[in-house]
PDB file of N, CA and C in Angstrom:
ATOM      1  N   MET A   1     -34.417 -92.947  -4.950  1.00  0.00           N
ATOM      2  CA  MET A   1     -35.209 -93.140  -6.160  1.00  0.00           C
ATOM      3  C   MET A   1     -36.036 -94.422  -6.073  1.00  0.00           C
ATOM      4  N   GLN A   2     -35.533 -95.457  -5.397  1.00  0.00           N
ATOM      5  CA  GLN A   2     -36.280 -96.698  -5.270  1.00  0.00           C
ATOM      6  C   GLN A   2     -37.633 -96.454  -4.629  1.00  0.00           C
ATOM      7  N   GLY A   3     -37.687 -95.621  -3.580  1.00  0.00           N
ATOM      8  CA  GLY A   3     -38.953 -95.324  -2.940  1.00  0.00           C
ATOM      9  C   GLY A   3     -39.936 -94.714  -3.917  1.00  0.00           C
ATOM     10  N   THR A   4     -39.452 -93.836  -4.742  1.00  0.00           N
ATOM     11  CA  THR A   4     -40.310 -93.194  -5.736  1.00  0.00           C
ATOM     12  C   THR A   4     -40.837 -94.225  -6.729  1.00  0.00           C
ATOM     13  N   ILE A   5     -40.003 -95.146  -7.153  1.00  0.00           N
ATOM     14  CA  ILE A   5     -40.423 -96.185  -8.093  1.00  0.00           C
ATOM     15  C   ILE A   5     -41.455 -97.087  -7.427  1.00  0.00           C
ATOM     16  N   ALA A   6     -41.187 -97.495  -6.193  1.00  0.00           N
ATOM     17  CA  ALA A   6     -42.130 -98.352  -5.471  1.00  0.00           C
ATOM     18  C   ALA A   6     -43.472 -97.649  -5.281  1.00  0.00           C
ATOM     19  N   GLU A   7     -43.429 -96.368  -4.945  1.00  0.00           N
ATOM     20  CA  GLU A   7     -44.664 -95.599  -4.785  1.00  0.00           C
ATOM     21  C   GLU A   7     -45.416 -95.514  -6.111  1.00  0.00           C
ATOM     22  N   ALA A   8     -44.701 -95.329  -7.197  1.00  0.00           N
ATOM     23  CA  ALA A   8     -45.334 -95.247  -8.517  1.00  0.00           C
ATOM     24  C   ALA A   8     -46.000 -96.568  -8.873  1.00  0.00           C
ATOM     25  N   ILE A   9     -45.327 -97.674  -8.586  1.00  0.00           N
ATOM     26  CA  ILE A   9     -45.903 -98.987  -8.876  1.00  0.00           C
ATOM     27  C   ILE A   9     -47.164 -99.190  -8.046  1.00  0.00           C
ATOM     28  N   GLU A  10     -47.126 -98.824  -6.782  1.00  0.00           N
ATOM     29  CA  GLU A  10     -48.307 -98.949  -5.930  1.00  0.00           C
ATOM     30  C   GLU A  10     -49.453 -98.077  -6.446  1.00  0.00           C
ATOM     31  N   GLU A  11     -49.129 -96.898  -6.922  1.00  0.00           N
ATOM     32  CA  GLU A  11     -50.149 -96.003  -7.472  1.00  0.00           C
ATOM     33  C   GLU A  11     -50.805 -96.624  -8.710  1.00  0.00           C
ATOM     34  N   LEU A  12     -49.988 -97.242  -9.565  1.00  0.00           N
ATOM     35  CA  LEU A  12     -50.538 -97.906 -10.744  1.00  0.00           C
ATOM     36  C   LEU A  12     -51.406 -99.094 -10.340  1.00  0.00           C
ATOM     37  N   LYS A  13     -50.945 -99.882  -9.382  1.00  0.00           N
ATOM     38  CA  LYS A  13     -51.725-101.037  -8.924  1.00  0.00           C
ATOM     39  C   LYS A  13     -53.082-100.598  -8.383  1.00  0.00           C
ATOM     40  N   ALA A  14     -53.122 -99.466  -7.690  1.00  0.00           N
ATOM     41  CA  ALA A  14     -54.379 -98.945  -7.154  1.00  0.00           C
ATOM     42  C   ALA A  14     -55.351 -98.584  -8.274  1.00  0.00           C
ATOM     43  N   GLN A  15     -54.821 -98.346  -9.476  1.00  0.00           N
ATOM     44  CA  GLN A  15     -55.650 -98.022 -10.645  1.00  0.00           C
ATOM     45  C   GLN A  15     -56.008 -99.280 -11.441  1.00  0.00           C
ATOM     46  N   GLY A  16     -55.595-100.445 -10.939  1.00  0.00           N
ATOM     47  CA  GLY A  16     -55.878-101.694 -11.634  1.00  0.00           C
ATOM     48  C   GLY A  16     -54.878-102.033 -12.714  1.00  0.00           C
ATOM     49  N   ILE A  17     -53.743-101.365 -12.702  1.00  0.00           N
ATOM     50  CA  ILE A  17     -52.692-101.605 -13.698  1.00  0.00           C
ATOM     51  C   ILE A  17     -51.633-102.514 -13.071  1.00  0.00           C
ATOM     52  N   LYS A  18     -51.469-103.695 -13.642  1.00  0.00           N
ATOM     53  CA  LYS A  18     -50.496-104.663 -13.151  1.00  0.00           C
ATOM     54  C   LYS A  18     -49.110-104.282 -13.668  1.00  0.00           C
ATOM     55  N   VAL A  19     -48.110-104.324 -12.790  1.00  0.00           N
ATOM     56  CA  VAL A  19     -46.747-103.973 -13.182  1.00  0.00           C
ATOM     57  C   VAL A  19     -45.820-105.124 -12.829  1.00  0.00           C
ATOM     58  N   GLU A  20     -45.046-105.577 -13.813  1.00  0.00           N
ATOM     59  CA  GLU A  20     -44.052-106.626 -13.616  1.00  0.00           C
ATOM     60  C   GLU A  20     -42.686-106.068 -13.983  1.00  0.00           C
ATOM     61  N   ILE A  21     -41.651-106.650 -13.407  1.00  0.00           N
ATOM     62  CA  ILE A  21     -40.280-106.241 -13.716  1.00  0.00           C
ATOM     63  C   ILE A  21     -39.607-107.375 -14.472  1.00  0.00           C
ATOM     64  N   GLU A  22     -38.997-107.027 -15.587  1.00  0.00           N
ATOM     65  CA  GLU A  22     -38.225-107.984 -16.374  1.00  0.00           C
ATOM     66  C   GLU A  22     -36.755-107.638 -16.162  1.00  0.00           C
ATOM     67  N   PRO A  23     -36.091-108.344 -15.235  1.00  0.00           N
ATOM     68  CA  PRO A  23     -34.688-108.014 -14.930  1.00  0.00           C
ATOM     69  C   PRO A  23     -33.778-108.205 -16.143  1.00  0.00           C
ATOM     70  N   SER A  24     -32.756-107.374 -16.204  1.00  0.00           N
ATOM     71  CA  SER A  24     -31.797-107.447 -17.299  1.00  0.00           C
ATOM     72  C   SER A  24     -30.383-107.421 -16.735  1.00  0.00           C
ATOM     73  N   ASP A  25     -29.565-108.345 -17.197  1.00  0.00           N
ATOM     74  CA  ASP A  25     -28.145-108.342 -16.819  1.00  0.00           C
ATOM     75  C   ASP A  25     -27.342-107.411 -17.725  1.00  0.00           C
ATOM     76  N   MET A  26     -27.930-106.984 -18.830  1.00  0.00           N
ATOM     77  CA  MET A  26     -27.222-106.199 -19.830  1.00  0.00           C
ATOM     78  C   MET A  26     -27.468-104.697 -19.708  1.00  0.00           C
ATOM     79  N   GLY A  27     -28.442-104.294 -18.924  1.00  0.00           N
ATOM     80  CA  GLY A  27     -28.771-102.879 -18.809  1.00  0.00           C
ATOM     81  C   GLY A  27     -29.843-102.684 -17.766  1.00  0.00           C
ATOM     82  N   PRO A  28     -30.540-101.576 -17.824  1.00  0.00           N
ATOM     83  CA  PRO A  28     -31.585-101.313 -16.833  1.00  0.00           C
ATOM     84  C   PRO A  28     -32.739-102.310 -16.950  1.00  0.00           C
ATOM     85  N   ASP A  29     -33.379-102.588 -15.819  1.00  0.00           N
ATOM     86  CA  ASP A  29     -34.554-103.444 -15.816  1.00  0.00           C
ATOM     87  C   ASP A  29     -35.670-102.789 -16.619  1.00  0.00           C
ATOM     88  N   VAL A  30     -36.494-103.610 -17.228  1.00  0.00           N
ATOM     89  CA  VAL A  30     -37.641-103.137 -17.981  1.00  0.00           C
ATOM     90  C   VAL A  30     -38.892-103.461 -17.176  1.00  0.00           C
ATOM     91  N   TYR A  31     -39.777-102.499 -17.075  1.00  0.00           N
ATOM     92  CA  TYR A  31     -41.051-102.682 -16.387  1.00  0.00           C
ATOM     93  C   TYR A  31     -42.124-102.895 -17.444  1.00  0.00           C
ATOM     94  N   ILE A  32     -43.013-103.844 -17.190  1.00  0.00           N
ATOM     95  CA  ILE A  32     -44.108-104.122 -18.116  1.00  0.00           C
ATOM     96  C   ILE A  32     -45.409-103.853 -17.374  1.00  0.00           C
ATOM     97  N   ALA A  33     -46.191-102.945 -17.908  1.00  0.00           N
ATOM     98  CA  ALA A  33     -47.479-102.587 -17.309  1.00  0.00           C
ATOM     99  C   ALA A  33     -48.591-103.157 -18.169  1.00  0.00           C
ATOM    100  N   THR A  34     -49.562-103.768 -17.506  1.00  0.00           N
ATOM    101  CA  THR A  34     -50.731-104.291 -18.196  1.00  0.00           C
ATOM    102  C   THR A  34     -51.947-103.508 -17.727  1.00  0.00           C
ATOM    103  N   ALA A  35     -52.540-102.766 -18.638  1.00  0.00           N
ATOM    104  CA  ALA A  35     -53.721-101.956 -18.325  1.00  0.00           C
ATOM    105  C   ALA A  35     -54.932-102.872 -18.149  1.00  0.00           C
ATOM    106  N   PRO A  36     -55.973-102.385 -17.489  1.00  0.00           N
ATOM    107  CA  PRO A  36     -57.171-103.203 -17.291  1.00  0.00           C
ATOM    108  C   PRO A  36     -57.778-103.732 -18.600  1.00  0.00           C
ATOM    109  N   ASN A  37     -57.585-103.010 -19.708  1.00  0.00           N
ATOM    110  CA  ASN A  37     -58.133-103.472 -20.991  1.00  0.00           C
ATOM    111  C   ASN A  37     -57.237-104.505 -21.674  1.00  0.00           C
ATOM    112  N   GLY A  38     -56.103-104.856 -21.040  1.00  0.00           N
ATOM    113  CA  GLY A  38     -55.206-105.878 -21.583  1.00  0.00           C
ATOM    114  C   GLY A  38     -54.030-105.330 -22.365  1.00  0.00           C
ATOM    115  N   ASP A  39     -54.027-104.044 -22.679  1.00  0.00           N
ATOM    116  CA  ASP A  39     -52.884-103.463 -23.378  1.00  0.00           C
ATOM    117  C   ASP A  39     -51.650-103.550 -22.490  1.00  0.00           C
ATOM    118  N   LYS A  40     -50.508-103.881 -23.106  1.00  0.00           N
ATOM    119  CA  LYS A  40     -49.251-103.978 -22.372  1.00  0.00           C
ATOM    120  C   LYS A  40     -48.250-102.985 -22.928  1.00  0.00           C
ATOM    121  N   TYR A  41     -47.487-102.382 -22.010  1.00  0.00           N
ATOM    122  CA  TYR A  41     -46.470-101.404 -22.393  1.00  0.00           C
ATOM    123  C   TYR A  41     -45.202-101.667 -21.604  1.00  0.00           C
ATOM    124  N   ASP A  42     -44.054-101.472 -22.242  1.00  0.00           N
ATOM    125  CA  ASP A  42     -42.799-101.617 -21.510  1.00  0.00           C
ATOM    126  C   ASP A  42     -42.093-100.277 -21.435  1.00  0.00           C
ATOM    127  N   PHE A  43     -41.351-100.092 -20.343  1.00  0.00           N
ATOM    128  CA  PHE A  43     -40.694 -98.814 -20.103  1.00  0.00           C
ATOM    129  C   PHE A  43     -39.626 -98.994 -19.042  1.00  0.00           C
ATOM    130  N   LEU A  44     -38.744 -98.011 -18.925  1.00  0.00           N
ATOM    131  CA  LEU A  44     -37.691 -98.011 -17.909  1.00  0.00           C
ATOM    132  C   LEU A  44     -38.190 -97.305 -16.647  1.00  0.00           C
ATOM    133  N   ALA A  45     -37.512 -97.535 -15.539  1.00  0.00           N
ATOM    134  CA  ALA A  45     -37.891 -96.927 -14.264  1.00  0.00           C
ATOM    135  C   ALA A  45     -37.943 -95.408 -14.353  1.00  0.00           C
ATOM    136  N   SER A  46     -37.036 -94.818 -15.100  1.00  0.00           N
ATOM    137  CA  SER A  46     -37.010 -93.357 -15.208  1.00  0.00           C
ATOM    138  C   SER A  46     -38.308 -92.809 -15.790  1.00  0.00           C
ATOM    139  N   VAL A  47     -38.963 -93.588 -16.639  1.00  0.00           N
ATOM    140  CA  VAL A  47     -40.238 -93.169 -17.212  1.00  0.00           C
ATOM    141  C   VAL A  47     -41.303 -93.124 -16.123  1.00  0.00           C
ATOM    142  N   LEU A  48     -41.285 -94.133 -15.245  1.00  0.00           N
ATOM    143  CA  LEU A  48     -42.232 -94.149 -14.118  1.00  0.00           C
ATOM    144  C   LEU A  48     -42.098 -92.893 -13.279  1.00  0.00           C
ATOM    145  N   VAL A  49     -40.860 -92.555 -12.958  1.00  0.00           N
ATOM    146  CA  VAL A  49     -40.601 -91.382 -12.125  1.00  0.00           C
ATOM    147  C   VAL A  49     -41.073 -90.112 -12.832  1.00  0.00           C
ATOM    148  N   LYS A  50     -40.762 -89.986 -14.111  1.00  0.00           N
ATOM    149  CA  LYS A  50     -41.165 -88.788 -14.861  1.00  0.00           C
ATOM    150  C   LYS A  50     -42.691 -88.667 -14.920  1.00  0.00           C
ATOM    151  N   LEU A  51     -43.369 -89.780 -15.191  1.00  0.00           N
ATOM    152  CA  LEU A  51     -44.829 -89.734 -15.248  1.00  0.00           C
ATOM    153  C   LEU A  51     -45.410 -89.332 -13.891  1.00  0.00           C
ATOM    154  N   LYS A  52     -44.832 -89.845 -12.818  1.00  0.00           N
ATOM    155  CA  LYS A  52     -45.316 -89.505 -11.479  1.00  0.00           C
ATOM    156  C   LYS A  52     -45.122 -88.007 -11.213  1.00  0.00           C
ATOM    157  N   VAL A  53     -43.940 -87.491 -11.520  1.00  0.00           N
ATOM    158  CA  VAL A  53     -43.641 -86.077 -11.306  1.00  0.00           C
ATOM    159  C   VAL A  53     -44.560 -85.197 -12.154  1.00  0.00           C
ATOM    160  N   ASP A  54     -44.828 -85.630 -13.383  1.00  0.00           N
ATOM    161  CA  ASP A  54     -45.664 -84.847 -14.302  1.00  0.00           C
ATOM    162  C   ASP A  54     -47.163 -85.007 -14.047  1.00  0.00           C
ATOM    163  N   GLY A  55     -47.542 -85.882 -13.093  1.00  0.00           N
ATOM    164  CA  GLY A  55     -48.953 -86.107 -12.813  1.00  0.00           C
ATOM    165  C   GLY A  55     -49.662 -86.898 -13.895  1.00  0.00           C
ATOM    166  N   LYS A  56     -48.919 -87.710 -14.636  1.00  0.00           N
ATOM    167  CA  LYS A  56     -49.490 -88.483 -15.741  1.00  0.00           C
ATOM    168  C   LYS A  56     -49.359 -89.981 -15.510  1.00  0.00           C
ATOM    169  N   LEU A  57     -49.313 -90.399 -14.246  1.00  0.00           N
ATOM    170  CA  LEU A  57     -49.113 -91.810 -13.927  1.00  0.00           C
ATOM    171  C   LEU A  57     -50.460 -92.532 -13.985  1.00  0.00           C
ATOM    172  N   ASN A  58     -50.837 -92.898 -15.216  1.00  0.00           N
ATOM    173  CA  ASN A  58     -52.081 -93.610 -15.475  1.00  0.00           C
ATOM    174  C   ASN A  58     -51.932 -94.350 -16.803  1.00  0.00           C
ATOM    175  N   ALA A  59     -52.973 -95.076 -17.196  1.00  0.00           N
ATOM    176  CA  ALA A  59     -52.897 -95.872 -18.422  1.00  0.00           C
ATOM    177  C   ALA A  59     -52.609 -95.007 -19.648  1.00  0.00           C
ATOM    178  N   ALA A  60     -53.232 -93.837 -19.738  1.00  0.00           N
ATOM    179  CA  ALA A  60     -52.998 -92.964 -20.895  1.00  0.00           C
ATOM    180  C   ALA A  60     -51.556 -92.475 -20.917  1.00  0.00           C
ATOM    181  N   GLY A  61     -51.021 -92.113 -19.770  1.00  0.00           N
ATOM    182  CA  GLY A  61     -49.628 -91.672 -19.691  1.00  0.00           C
ATOM    183  C   GLY A  61     -48.668 -92.772 -20.072  1.00  0.00           C
ATOM    184  N   LEU A  62     -48.948 -93.999 -19.612  1.00  0.00           N
ATOM    185  CA  LEU A  62     -48.102 -95.131 -19.989  1.00  0.00           C
ATOM    186  C   LEU A  62     -48.123 -95.372 -21.486  1.00  0.00           C
ATOM    187  N   ALA A  63     -49.316 -95.279 -22.066  1.00  0.00           N
ATOM    188  CA  ALA A  63     -49.455 -95.507 -23.512  1.00  0.00           C
ATOM    189  C   ALA A  63     -48.613 -94.508 -24.298  1.00  0.00           C
ATOM    190  N   GLN A  64     -48.578 -93.266 -23.842  1.00  0.00           N
ATOM    191  CA  GLN A  64     -47.812 -92.244 -24.556  1.00  0.00           C
ATOM    192  C   GLN A  64     -46.314 -92.386 -24.339  1.00  0.00           C
ATOM    193  N   ALA A  65     -45.902 -92.875 -23.151  1.00  0.00           N
ATOM    194  CA  ALA A  65     -44.492 -92.875 -22.792  1.00  0.00           C
ATOM    195  C   ALA A  65     -43.774 -94.202 -23.044  1.00  0.00           C
ATOM    196  N   ALA A  66     -44.511 -95.258 -23.258  1.00  0.00           N
ATOM    197  CA  ALA A  66     -43.898 -96.586 -23.383  1.00  0.00           C
ATOM    198  C   ALA A  66     -43.006 -96.671 -24.608  1.00  0.00           C
ATOM    199  N   HIS A  67     -41.986 -97.524 -24.512  1.00  0.00           N
ATOM    200  CA  HIS A  67     -41.082 -97.766 -25.634  1.00  0.00           C
ATOM    201  C   HIS A  67     -41.870 -98.269 -26.826  1.00  0.00           C
ATOM    202  N   LYS A  68     -42.688 -99.267 -26.587  1.00  0.00           N
ATOM    203  CA  LYS A  68     -43.511 -99.855 -27.642  1.00  0.00           C
ATOM    204  C   LYS A  68     -44.526-100.769 -26.976  1.00  0.00           C
ATOM    205  N   PRO A  69     -45.685-100.961 -27.596  1.00  0.00           N
ATOM    206  CA  PRO A  69     -46.601-101.959 -27.054  1.00  0.00           C
ATOM    207  C   PRO A  69     -45.965-103.330 -27.163  1.00  0.00           C
ATOM    208  N   THR A  70     -46.147-104.161 -26.155  1.00  0.00           N
ATOM    209  CA  THR A  70     -45.586-105.513 -26.205  1.00  0.00           C
ATOM    210  C   THR A  70     -46.687-106.492 -26.543  1.00  0.00           C
ATOM    211  N   ALA A  71     -46.287-107.605 -27.114  1.00  0.00           N
ATOM    212  CA  ALA A  71     -47.267-108.631 -27.515  1.00  0.00           C
ATOM    213  C   ALA A  71     -47.763-109.406 -26.320  1.00  0.00           C
TER     214      ALA A  71
END
């Protein structure tokens, strides 16, 4: 699964979407994606994988799947 996550992150970076990881000792790591327009979204790794499988790994897909927009 790590390879799939890494591939998804690389795919987002190729689209100009910056992805950072916010490590958590209490649960799964949270990924924060920053779209080229500055919008930020947070999500779990499983969301990345699902978006990739569904062919929706882009800014619009992130906007729909993210937990919530982050400040």
